Amino acid sequence: KTGYDPEYRAFAPGQLMRYLMIEK
């Protein structure tokens, strides 16, 4: 499961999370 805070949608936190988790 995954989700993000829509208040920060402009910063694409979901994409940033995915990048960092795949890198990990």
mmCIF file of all heavy atoms, coordinates in Angstrom:
data_MODEL
# 
_entry.id   MODEL 
# 
loop_
_atom_site.group_PDB 
_atom_site.id 
_atom_site.type_symbol 
_atom_site.label_atom_id 
_atom_site.label_alt_id 
_atom_site.label_comp_id 
_atom_site.label_asym_id 
_atom_site.label_entity_id 
_atom_site.label_seq_id 
_atom_site.pdbx_PDB_ins_code 
_atom_site.Cartn_x 
_atom_site.Cartn_y 
_atom_site.Cartn_z 
_atom_site.occupancy 
_atom_site.B_iso_or_equiv 
_atom_site.pdbx_formal_charge 
_atom_site.auth_seq_id 
_atom_site.auth_comp_id 
_atom_site.auth_asym_id 
_atom_site.auth_atom_id 
_atom_site.pdbx_PDB_model_num 
ATOM 1   N N   . LYS A 1 1  ? 0.845  -1.193 0.000   1.00 0.00 ? 1  LYS A N   1 
ATOM 2   C CA  . LYS A 1 1  ? 0.000  0.000  0.000   1.00 0.00 ? 1  LYS A CA  1 
ATOM 3   C C   . LYS A 1 1  ? 0.882  1.245  0.000   1.00 0.00 ? 1  LYS A C   1 
ATOM 4   O O   . LYS A 1 1  ? 1.963  1.248  0.581   1.00 0.00 ? 1  LYS A O   1 
ATOM 5   C CB  . LYS A 1 1  ? -0.907 0.036  1.230   1.00 0.00 ? 1  LYS A CB  1 
ATOM 6   C CG  . LYS A 1 1  ? -2.109 -0.879 1.170   1.00 0.00 ? 1  LYS A CG  1 
ATOM 7   C CD  . LYS A 1 1  ? -3.193 -0.298 0.262   1.00 0.00 ? 1  LYS A CD  1 
ATOM 8   C CE  . LYS A 1 1  ? -4.498 -1.062 0.398   1.00 0.00 ? 1  LYS A CE  1 
ATOM 9   N NZ  . LYS A 1 1  ? -5.587 -0.424 -0.380  1.00 0.00 ? 1  LYS A NZ  1 
ATOM 10  N N   . THR A 1 2  ? 0.404  2.296  -0.629  1.00 0.00 ? 2  THR A N   1 
ATOM 11  C CA  . THR A 1 2  ? 1.156  3.543  -0.640  1.00 0.00 ? 2  THR A CA  1 
ATOM 12  C C   . THR A 1 2  ? 0.186  4.716  -0.738  1.00 0.00 ? 2  THR A C   1 
ATOM 13  O O   . THR A 1 2  ? -0.946 4.565  -1.226  1.00 0.00 ? 2  THR A O   1 
ATOM 14  C CB  . THR A 1 2  ? 2.157  3.588  -1.816  1.00 0.00 ? 2  THR A CB  1 
ATOM 15  O OG1 . THR A 1 2  ? 2.963  4.763  -1.710  1.00 0.00 ? 2  THR A OG1 1 
ATOM 16  C CG2 . THR A 1 2  ? 1.444  3.577  -3.161  1.00 0.00 ? 2  THR A CG2 1 
ATOM 17  N N   . GLY A 1 3  ? 0.617  5.874  -0.274  1.00 0.00 ? 3  GLY A N   1 
ATOM 18  C CA  . GLY A 1 3  ? -0.208 7.075  -0.351  1.00 0.00 ? 3  GLY A CA  1 
ATOM 19  C C   . GLY A 1 3  ? 0.626  8.303  -0.036  1.00 0.00 ? 3  GLY A C   1 
ATOM 20  O O   . GLY A 1 3  ? 1.777  8.195  0.406   1.00 0.00 ? 3  GLY A O   1 
ATOM 21  N N   . TYR A 1 4  ? 0.047  9.472  -0.276  1.00 0.00 ? 4  TYR A N   1 
ATOM 22  C CA  . TYR A 1 4  ? 0.770  10.722 -0.031  1.00 0.00 ? 4  TYR A CA  1 
ATOM 23  C C   . TYR A 1 4  ? -0.207 11.794 0.433   1.00 0.00 ? 4  TYR A C   1 
ATOM 24  O O   . TYR A 1 4  ? -1.431 11.669 0.285   1.00 0.00 ? 4  TYR A O   1 
ATOM 25  C CB  . TYR A 1 4  ? 1.508  11.180 -1.294  1.00 0.00 ? 4  TYR A CB  1 
ATOM 26  C CG  . TYR A 1 4  ? 0.579  11.569 -2.432  1.00 0.00 ? 4  TYR A CG  1 
ATOM 27  C CD1 . TYR A 1 4  ? 0.131  12.872 -2.586  1.00 0.00 ? 4  TYR A CD1 1 
ATOM 28  C CD2 . TYR A 1 4  ? 0.142  10.608 -3.341  1.00 0.00 ? 4  TYR A CD2 1 
ATOM 29  C CE1 . TYR A 1 4  ? -0.732 13.230 -3.610  1.00 0.00 ? 4  TYR A CE1 1 
ATOM 30  C CE2 . TYR A 1 4  ? -0.722 10.945 -4.376  1.00 0.00 ? 4  TYR A CE2 1 
ATOM 31  C CZ  . TYR A 1 4  ? -1.147 12.255 -4.496  1.00 0.00 ? 4  TYR A CZ  1 
ATOM 32  O OH  . TYR A 1 4  ? -2.018 12.595 -5.512  1.00 0.00 ? 4  TYR A OH  1 
ATOM 33  N N   . ASP A 1 5  ? 0.363  12.870 0.988   1.00 0.00 ? 5  ASP A N   1 
ATOM 34  C CA  . ASP A 1 5  ? -0.427 14.006 1.456   1.00 0.00 ? 5  ASP A CA  1 
ATOM 35  C C   . ASP A 1 5  ? -0.729 14.919 0.269   1.00 0.00 ? 5  ASP A C   1 
ATOM 36  O O   . ASP A 1 5  ? 0.200  15.490 -0.324  1.00 0.00 ? 5  ASP A O   1 
ATOM 37  C CB  . ASP A 1 5  ? 0.355  14.766 2.527   1.00 0.00 ? 5  ASP A CB  1 
ATOM 38  C CG  . ASP A 1 5  ? -0.475 15.873 3.169   1.00 0.00 ? 5  ASP A CG  1 
ATOM 39  O OD1 . ASP A 1 5  ? -1.465 16.305 2.569   1.00 0.00 ? 5  ASP A OD1 1 
ATOM 40  O OD2 . ASP A 1 5  ? -0.107 16.309 4.280   1.00 0.00 ? 5  ASP A OD2 1 
ATOM 41  N N   . PRO A 1 6  ? -2.011 15.090 -0.107  1.00 0.00 ? 6  PRO A N   1 
ATOM 42  C CA  . PRO A 1 6  ? -2.330 15.903 -1.282  1.00 0.00 ? 6  PRO A CA  1 
ATOM 43  C C   . PRO A 1 6  ? -1.958 17.370 -1.140  1.00 0.00 ? 6  PRO A C   1 
ATOM 44  O O   . PRO A 1 6  ? -1.883 18.077 -2.133  1.00 0.00 ? 6  PRO A O   1 
ATOM 45  C CB  . PRO A 1 6  ? -3.850 15.715 -1.431  1.00 0.00 ? 6  PRO A CB  1 
ATOM 46  C CG  . PRO A 1 6  ? -4.328 15.312 -0.079  1.00 0.00 ? 6  PRO A CG  1 
ATOM 47  C CD  . PRO A 1 6  ? -3.225 14.522 0.520   1.00 0.00 ? 6  PRO A CD  1 
ATOM 48  N N   . GLU A 1 7  ? -1.721 17.837 0.085   1.00 0.00 ? 7  GLU A N   1 
ATOM 49  C CA  . GLU A 1 7  ? -1.312 19.233 0.254   1.00 0.00 ? 7  GLU A CA  1 
ATOM 50  C C   . GLU A 1 7  ? 0.048  19.498 -0.381  1.00 0.00 ? 7  GLU A C   1 
ATOM 51  O O   . GLU A 1 7  ? 0.379  20.635 -0.704  1.00 0.00 ? 7  GLU A O   1 
ATOM 52  C CB  . GLU A 1 7  ? -1.263 19.590 1.738   1.00 0.00 ? 7  GLU A CB  1 
ATOM 53  C CG  . GLU A 1 7  ? -2.631 19.701 2.394   1.00 0.00 ? 7  GLU A CG  1 
ATOM 54  C CD  . GLU A 1 7  ? -2.546 20.261 3.795   1.00 0.00 ? 7  GLU A CD  1 
ATOM 55  O OE1 . GLU A 1 7  ? -1.493 20.837 4.138   1.00 0.00 ? 7  GLU A OE1 1 
ATOM 56  O OE2 . GLU A 1 7  ? -3.538 20.133 4.546   1.00 0.00 ? 7  GLU A OE2 1 
ATOM 57  N N   . TYR A 1 8  ? 0.834  18.437 -0.574  1.00 0.00 ? 8  TYR A N   1 
ATOM 58  C CA  . TYR A 1 8  ? 2.162  18.571 -1.168  1.00 0.00 ? 8  TYR A CA  1 
ATOM 59  C C   . TYR A 1 8  ? 2.202  17.999 -2.581  1.00 0.00 ? 8  TYR A C   1 
ATOM 60  O O   . TYR A 1 8  ? 3.265  17.673 -3.101  1.00 0.00 ? 8  TYR A O   1 
ATOM 61  C CB  . TYR A 1 8  ? 3.201  17.877 -0.283  1.00 0.00 ? 8  TYR A CB  1 
ATOM 62  C CG  . TYR A 1 8  ? 3.403  18.557 1.045   1.00 0.00 ? 8  TYR A CG  1 
ATOM 63  C CD1 . TYR A 1 8  ? 2.589  18.251 2.140   1.00 0.00 ? 8  TYR A CD1 1 
ATOM 64  C CD2 . TYR A 1 8  ? 4.394  19.518 1.222   1.00 0.00 ? 8  TYR A CD2 1 
ATOM 65  C CE1 . TYR A 1 8  ? 2.759  18.878 3.361   1.00 0.00 ? 8  TYR A CE1 1 
ATOM 66  C CE2 . TYR A 1 8  ? 4.576  20.150 2.440   1.00 0.00 ? 8  TYR A CE2 1 
ATOM 67  C CZ  . TYR A 1 8  ? 3.754  19.819 3.507   1.00 0.00 ? 8  TYR A CZ  1 
ATOM 68  O OH  . TYR A 1 8  ? 3.933  20.450 4.723   1.00 0.00 ? 8  TYR A OH  1 
ATOM 69  N N   . ARG A 1 9  ? 1.049  17.896 -3.201  1.00 0.00 ? 9  ARG A N   1 
ATOM 70  C CA  . ARG A 1 9  ? 0.958  17.301 -4.528  1.00 0.00 ? 9  ARG A CA  1 
ATOM 71  C C   . ARG A 1 9  ? 1.906  17.952 -5.536  1.00 0.00 ? 9  ARG A C   1 
ATOM 72  O O   . ARG A 1 9  ? 2.485  17.278 -6.398  1.00 0.00 ? 9  ARG A O   1 
ATOM 73  C CB  . ARG A 1 9  ? -0.483 17.417 -5.041  1.00 0.00 ? 9  ARG A CB  1 
ATOM 74  C CG  . ARG A 1 9  ? -0.765 16.637 -6.308  1.00 0.00 ? 9  ARG A CG  1 
ATOM 75  C CD  . ARG A 1 9  ? -2.108 17.031 -6.906  1.00 0.00 ? 9  ARG A CD  1 
ATOM 76  N NE  . ARG A 1 9  ? -3.157 17.041 -5.905  1.00 0.00 ? 9  ARG A NE  1 
ATOM 77  C CZ  . ARG A 1 9  ? -3.898 15.989 -5.586  1.00 0.00 ? 9  ARG A CZ  1 
ATOM 78  N NH1 . ARG A 1 9  ? -3.688 14.847 -6.192  1.00 0.00 ? 9  ARG A NH1 1 
ATOM 79  N NH2 . ARG A 1 9  ? -4.836 16.090 -4.661  1.00 0.00 ? 9  ARG A NH2 1 
ATOM 80  N N   . ALA A 1 10 ? 2.083  19.256 -5.448  1.00 0.00 ? 10 ALA A N   1 
ATOM 81  C CA  . ALA A 1 10 ? 2.938  19.976 -6.402  1.00 0.00 ? 10 ALA A CA  1 
ATOM 82  C C   . ALA A 1 10 ? 4.387  19.495 -6.356  1.00 0.00 ? 10 ALA A C   1 
ATOM 83  O O   . ALA A 1 10 ? 5.130  19.673 -7.326  1.00 0.00 ? 10 ALA A O   1 
ATOM 84  C CB  . ALA A 1 10 ? 2.884  21.475 -6.123  1.00 0.00 ? 10 ALA A CB  1 
ATOM 85  N N   . PHE A 1 11 ? 4.776  18.856 -5.253  1.00 0.00 ? 11 PHE A N   1 
ATOM 86  C CA  . PHE A 1 11 ? 6.148  18.384 -5.119  1.00 0.00 ? 11 PHE A CA  1 
ATOM 87  C C   . PHE A 1 11 ? 6.280  16.887 -5.419  1.00 0.00 ? 11 PHE A C   1 
ATOM 88  O O   . PHE A 1 11 ? 7.360  16.313 -5.246  1.00 0.00 ? 11 PHE A O   1 
ATOM 89  C CB  . PHE A 1 11 ? 6.665  18.666 -3.702  1.00 0.00 ? 11 PHE A CB  1 
ATOM 90  C CG  . PHE A 1 11 ? 6.761  20.124 -3.378  1.00 0.00 ? 11 PHE A CG  1 
ATOM 91  C CD1 . PHE A 1 11 ? 5.749  20.762 -2.672  1.00 0.00 ? 11 PHE A CD1 1 
ATOM 92  C CD2 . PHE A 1 11 ? 7.853  20.875 -3.793  1.00 0.00 ? 11 PHE A CD2 1 
ATOM 93  C CE1 . PHE A 1 11 ? 5.830  22.114 -2.366  1.00 0.00 ? 11 PHE A CE1 1 
ATOM 94  C CE2 . PHE A 1 11 ? 7.949  22.226 -3.493  1.00 0.00 ? 11 PHE A CE2 1 
ATOM 95  C CZ  . PHE A 1 11 ? 6.936  22.853 -2.784  1.00 0.00 ? 11 PHE A CZ  1 
ATOM 96  N N   . ALA A 1 12 ? 5.203  16.268 -5.854  1.00 0.00 ? 12 ALA A N   1 
ATOM 97  C CA  . ALA A 1 12 ? 5.197  14.843 -6.222  1.00 0.00 ? 12 ALA A CA  1 
ATOM 98  C C   . ALA A 1 12 ? 5.857  13.966 -5.161  1.00 0.00 ? 12 ALA A C   1 
ATOM 99  O O   . ALA A 1 12 ? 6.801  13.224 -5.444  1.00 0.00 ? 12 ALA A O   1 
ATOM 100 C CB  . ALA A 1 12 ? 5.890  14.651 -7.569  1.00 0.00 ? 12 ALA A CB  1 
ATOM 101 N N   . PRO A 1 13 ? 5.383  14.015 -3.899  1.00 0.00 ? 13 PRO A N   1 
ATOM 102 C CA  . PRO A 1 13 ? 6.021  13.209 -2.854  1.00 0.00 ? 13 PRO A CA  1 
ATOM 103 C C   . PRO A 1 13 ? 5.952  11.708 -3.118  1.00 0.00 ? 13 PRO A C   1 
ATOM 104 O O   . PRO A 1 13 ? 6.851  10.965 -2.712  1.00 0.00 ? 13 PRO A O   1 
ATOM 105 C CB  . PRO A 1 13 ? 5.257  13.595 -1.586  1.00 0.00 ? 13 PRO A CB  1 
ATOM 106 C CG  . PRO A 1 13 ? 3.935  14.097 -2.075  1.00 0.00 ? 13 PRO A CG  1 
ATOM 107 C CD  . PRO A 1 13 ? 4.231  14.772 -3.372  1.00 0.00 ? 13 PRO A CD  1 
ATOM 108 N N   . GLY A 1 14 ? 4.897  11.262 -3.803  1.00 0.00 ? 14 GLY A N   1 
ATOM 109 C CA  . GLY A 1 14 ? 4.794  9.846  -4.127  1.00 0.00 ? 14 GLY A CA  1 
ATOM 110 C C   . GLY A 1 14 ? 5.902  9.398  -5.062  1.00 0.00 ? 14 GLY A C   1 
ATOM 111 O O   . GLY A 1 14 ? 6.492  8.319  -4.889  1.00 0.00 ? 14 GLY A O   1 
ATOM 112 N N   . GLN A 1 15 ? 6.199  10.213 -6.069  1.00 0.00 ? 15 GLN A N   1 
ATOM 113 C CA  . GLN A 1 15 ? 7.282  9.881  -7.002  1.00 0.00 ? 15 GLN A CA  1 
ATOM 114 C C   . GLN A 1 15 ? 8.639  9.919  -6.309  1.00 0.00 ? 15 GLN A C   1 
ATOM 115 O O   . GLN A 1 15 ? 9.495  9.060  -6.551  1.00 0.00 ? 15 GLN A O   1 
ATOM 116 C CB  . GLN A 1 15 ? 7.271  10.846 -8.178  1.00 0.00 ? 15 GLN A CB  1 
ATOM 117 C CG  . GLN A 1 15 ? 6.229  10.551 -9.233  1.00 0.00 ? 15 GLN A CG  1 
ATOM 118 C CD  . GLN A 1 15 ? 6.410  11.434 -10.449 1.00 0.00 ? 15 GLN A CD  1 
ATOM 119 O OE1 . GLN A 1 15 ? 6.744  12.609 -10.342 1.00 0.00 ? 15 GLN A OE1 1 
ATOM 120 N NE2 . GLN A 1 15 ? 6.195  10.870 -11.617 1.00 0.00 ? 15 GLN A NE2 1 
ATOM 121 N N   . LEU A 1 16 ? 8.842  10.919 -5.462  1.00 0.00 ? 16 LEU A N   1 
ATOM 122 C CA  . LEU A 1 16 ? 10.102 11.000 -4.729  1.00 0.00 ? 16 LEU A CA  1 
ATOM 123 C C   . LEU A 1 16 ? 10.279 9.786  -3.820  1.00 0.00 ? 16 LEU A C   1 
ATOM 124 O O   . LEU A 1 16 ? 11.377 9.219  -3.732  1.00 0.00 ? 16 LEU A O   1 
ATOM 125 C CB  . LEU A 1 16 ? 10.140 12.284 -3.897  1.00 0.00 ? 16 LEU A CB  1 
ATOM 126 C CG  . LEU A 1 16 ? 10.403 13.583 -4.658  1.00 0.00 ? 16 LEU A CG  1 
ATOM 127 C CD1 . LEU A 1 16 ? 10.191 14.789 -3.745  1.00 0.00 ? 16 LEU A CD1 1 
ATOM 128 C CD2 . LEU A 1 16 ? 11.825 13.599 -5.220  1.00 0.00 ? 16 LEU A CD2 1 
ATOM 129 N N   . MET A 1 17 ? 9.222  9.396  -3.152  1.00 0.00 ? 17 MET A N   1 
ATOM 130 C CA  . MET A 1 17 ? 9.272  8.197  -2.320  1.00 0.00 ? 17 MET A CA  1 
ATOM 131 C C   . MET A 1 17 ? 9.649  6.973  -3.151  1.00 0.00 ? 17 MET A C   1 
ATOM 132 O O   . MET A 1 17 ? 10.493 6.158  -2.755  1.00 0.00 ? 17 MET A O   1 
ATOM 133 C CB  . MET A 1 17 ? 7.918  7.984  -1.643  1.00 0.00 ? 17 MET A CB  1 
ATOM 134 C CG  . MET A 1 17 ? 7.728  6.623  -1.017  1.00 0.00 ? 17 MET A CG  1 
ATOM 135 S SD  . MET A 1 17 ? 8.651  6.416  0.513   1.00 0.00 ? 17 MET A SD  1 
ATOM 136 C CE  . MET A 1 17 ? 7.371  6.887  1.686   1.00 0.00 ? 17 MET A CE  1 
ATOM 137 N N   . ARG A 1 18 ? 9.019  6.844  -4.329  1.00 0.00 ? 18 ARG A N   1 
ATOM 138 C CA  . ARG A 1 18 ? 9.290  5.671  -5.153  1.00 0.00 ? 18 ARG A CA  1 
ATOM 139 C C   . ARG A 1 18 ? 10.758 5.640  -5.591  1.00 0.00 ? 18 ARG A C   1 
ATOM 140 O O   . ARG A 1 18 ? 11.413 4.599  -5.560  1.00 0.00 ? 18 ARG A O   1 
ATOM 141 C CB  . ARG A 1 18 ? 8.369  5.690  -6.397  1.00 0.00 ? 18 ARG A CB  1 
ATOM 142 C CG  . ARG A 1 18 ? 8.182  4.348  -7.039  1.00 0.00 ? 18 ARG A CG  1 
ATOM 143 C CD  . ARG A 1 18 ? 7.579  3.342  -6.080  1.00 0.00 ? 18 ARG A CD  1 
ATOM 144 N NE  . ARG A 1 18 ? 6.525  3.943  -5.301  1.00 0.00 ? 18 ARG A NE  1 
ATOM 145 C CZ  . ARG A 1 18 ? 6.458  3.880  -3.978  1.00 0.00 ? 18 ARG A CZ  1 
ATOM 146 N NH1 . ARG A 1 18 ? 7.382  3.242  -3.275  1.00 0.00 ? 18 ARG A NH1 1 
ATOM 147 N NH2 . ARG A 1 18 ? 5.457  4.447  -3.326  1.00 0.00 ? 18 ARG A NH2 1 
ATOM 148 N N   . TYR A 1 19 ? 11.273 6.776  -6.006  1.00 0.00 ? 19 TYR A N   1 
ATOM 149 C CA  . TYR A 1 19 ? 12.669 6.857  -6.432  1.00 0.00 ? 19 TYR A CA  1 
ATOM 150 C C   . TYR A 1 19 ? 13.595 6.414  -5.300  1.00 0.00 ? 19 TYR A C   1 
ATOM 151 O O   . TYR A 1 19 ? 14.509 5.593  -5.495  1.00 0.00 ? 19 TYR A O   1 
ATOM 152 C CB  . TYR A 1 19 ? 12.990 8.282  -6.857  1.00 0.00 ? 19 TYR A CB  1 
ATOM 153 C CG  . TYR A 1 19 ? 14.431 8.527  -7.239  1.00 0.00 ? 19 TYR A CG  1 
ATOM 154 C CD1 . TYR A 1 19 ? 14.863 8.316  -8.548  1.00 0.00 ? 19 TYR A CD1 1 
ATOM 155 C CD2 . TYR A 1 19 ? 15.359 8.969  -6.308  1.00 0.00 ? 19 TYR A CD2 1 
ATOM 156 C CE1 . TYR A 1 19 ? 16.189 8.535  -8.900  1.00 0.00 ? 19 TYR A CE1 1 
ATOM 157 C CE2 . TYR A 1 19 ? 16.678 9.197  -6.654  1.00 0.00 ? 19 TYR A CE2 1 
ATOM 158 C CZ  . TYR A 1 19 ? 17.080 8.977  -7.949  1.00 0.00 ? 19 TYR A CZ  1 
ATOM 159 O OH  . TYR A 1 19 ? 18.396 9.197  -8.287  1.00 0.00 ? 19 TYR A OH  1 
ATOM 160 N N   . LEU A 1 20 ? 13.371 6.935  -4.103  1.00 0.00 ? 20 LEU A N   1 
ATOM 161 C CA  . LEU A 1 20 ? 14.247 6.641  -2.971  1.00 0.00 ? 20 LEU A CA  1 
ATOM 162 C C   . LEU A 1 20 ? 14.104 5.190  -2.511  1.00 0.00 ? 20 LEU A C   1 
ATOM 163 O O   . LEU A 1 20 ? 15.099 4.552  -2.131  1.00 0.00 ? 20 LEU A O   1 
ATOM 164 C CB  . LEU A 1 20 ? 13.930 7.589  -1.812  1.00 0.00 ? 20 LEU A CB  1 
ATOM 165 C CG  . LEU A 1 20 ? 14.258 9.064  -2.060  1.00 0.00 ? 20 LEU A CG  1 
ATOM 166 C CD1 . LEU A 1 20 ? 13.733 9.924  -0.913  1.00 0.00 ? 20 LEU A CD1 1 
ATOM 167 C CD2 . LEU A 1 20 ? 15.763 9.269  -2.232  1.00 0.00 ? 20 LEU A CD2 1 
ATOM 168 N N   . MET A 1 21 ? 12.910 4.652  -2.552  1.00 0.00 ? 21 MET A N   1 
ATOM 169 C CA  . MET A 1 21 ? 12.711 3.271  -2.122  1.00 0.00 ? 21 MET A CA  1 
ATOM 170 C C   . MET A 1 21 ? 13.309 2.284  -3.126  1.00 0.00 ? 21 MET A C   1 
ATOM 171 O O   . MET A 1 21 ? 13.865 1.247  -2.728  1.00 0.00 ? 21 MET A O   1 
ATOM 172 C CB  . MET A 1 21 ? 11.224 2.990  -1.913  1.00 0.00 ? 21 MET A CB  1 
ATOM 173 C CG  . MET A 1 21 ? 10.632 3.680  -0.687  1.00 0.00 ? 21 MET A CG  1 
ATOM 174 S SD  . MET A 1 21 ? 11.418 3.141  0.857   1.00 0.00 ? 21 MET A SD  1 
ATOM 175 C CE  . MET A 1 21 ? 10.758 1.473  1.015   1.00 0.00 ? 21 MET A CE  1 
ATOM 176 N N   . ILE A 1 22 ? 13.187 2.576  -4.406  1.00 0.00 ? 22 ILE A N   1 
ATOM 177 C CA  . ILE A 1 22 ? 13.819 1.709  -5.409  1.00 0.00 ? 22 ILE A CA  1 
ATOM 178 C C   . ILE A 1 22 ? 15.334 1.791  -5.286  1.00 0.00 ? 22 ILE A C   1 
ATOM 179 O O   . ILE A 1 22 ? 16.034 0.769  -5.350  1.00 0.00 ? 22 ILE A O   1 
ATOM 180 C CB  . ILE A 1 22 ? 13.346 2.099  -6.823  1.00 0.00 ? 22 ILE A CB  1 
ATOM 181 C CG1 . ILE A 1 22 ? 11.867 1.769  -6.991  1.00 0.00 ? 22 ILE A CG1 1 
ATOM 182 C CG2 . ILE A 1 22 ? 14.176 1.371  -7.883  1.00 0.00 ? 22 ILE A CG2 1 
ATOM 183 C CD1 . ILE A 1 22 ? 11.266 2.251  -8.297  1.00 0.00 ? 22 ILE A CD1 1 
ATOM 184 N N   . GLU A 1 23 ? 15.857 2.997  -5.096  1.00 0.00 ? 23 GLU A N   1 
ATOM 185 C CA  . GLU A 1 23 ? 17.296 3.162  -4.899  1.00 0.00 ? 23 GLU A CA  1 
ATOM 186 C C   . GLU A 1 23 ? 17.768 2.350  -3.690  1.00 0.00 ? 23 GLU A C   1 
ATOM 187 O O   . GLU A 1 23 ? 18.825 1.709  -3.723  1.00 0.00 ? 23 GLU A O   1 
ATOM 188 C CB  . GLU A 1 23 ? 17.628 4.637  -4.706  1.00 0.00 ? 23 GLU A CB  1 
ATOM 189 C CG  . GLU A 1 23 ? 19.115 4.921  -4.551  1.00 0.00 ? 23 GLU A CG  1 
ATOM 190 C CD  . GLU A 1 23 ? 19.402 6.387  -4.310  1.00 0.00 ? 23 GLU A CD  1 
ATOM 191 O OE1 . GLU A 1 23 ? 18.557 7.066  -3.661  1.00 0.00 ? 23 GLU A OE1 1 
ATOM 192 O OE2 . GLU A 1 23 ? 20.461 6.871  -4.746  1.00 0.00 ? 23 GLU A OE2 1 
ATOM 193 N N   . LYS A 1 24 ? 16.969 2.343  -2.633  1.00 0.00 ? 24 LYS A N   1 
ATOM 194 C CA  . LYS A 1 24 ? 17.322 1.591  -1.431  1.00 0.00 ? 24 LYS A CA  1 
ATOM 195 C C   . LYS A 1 24 ? 17.330 0.089  -1.709  1.00 0.00 ? 24 LYS A C   1 
ATOM 196 O O   . LYS A 1 24 ? 18.180 -0.647 -1.194  1.00 0.00 ? 24 LYS A O   1 
ATOM 197 C CB  . LYS A 1 24 ? 16.332 1.926  -0.308  1.00 0.00 ? 24 LYS A CB  1 
ATOM 198 C CG  . LYS A 1 24 ? 16.687 1.319  1.046   1.00 0.00 ? 24 LYS A CG  1 
ATOM 199 C CD  . LYS A 1 24 ? 15.724 1.804  2.120   1.00 0.00 ? 24 LYS A CD  1 
ATOM 200 C CE  . LYS A 1 24 ? 16.101 1.230  3.485   1.00 0.00 ? 24 LYS A CE  1 
ATOM 201 N NZ  . LYS A 1 24 ? 17.428 1.740  3.931   1.00 0.00 ? 24 LYS A NZ  1 
# 
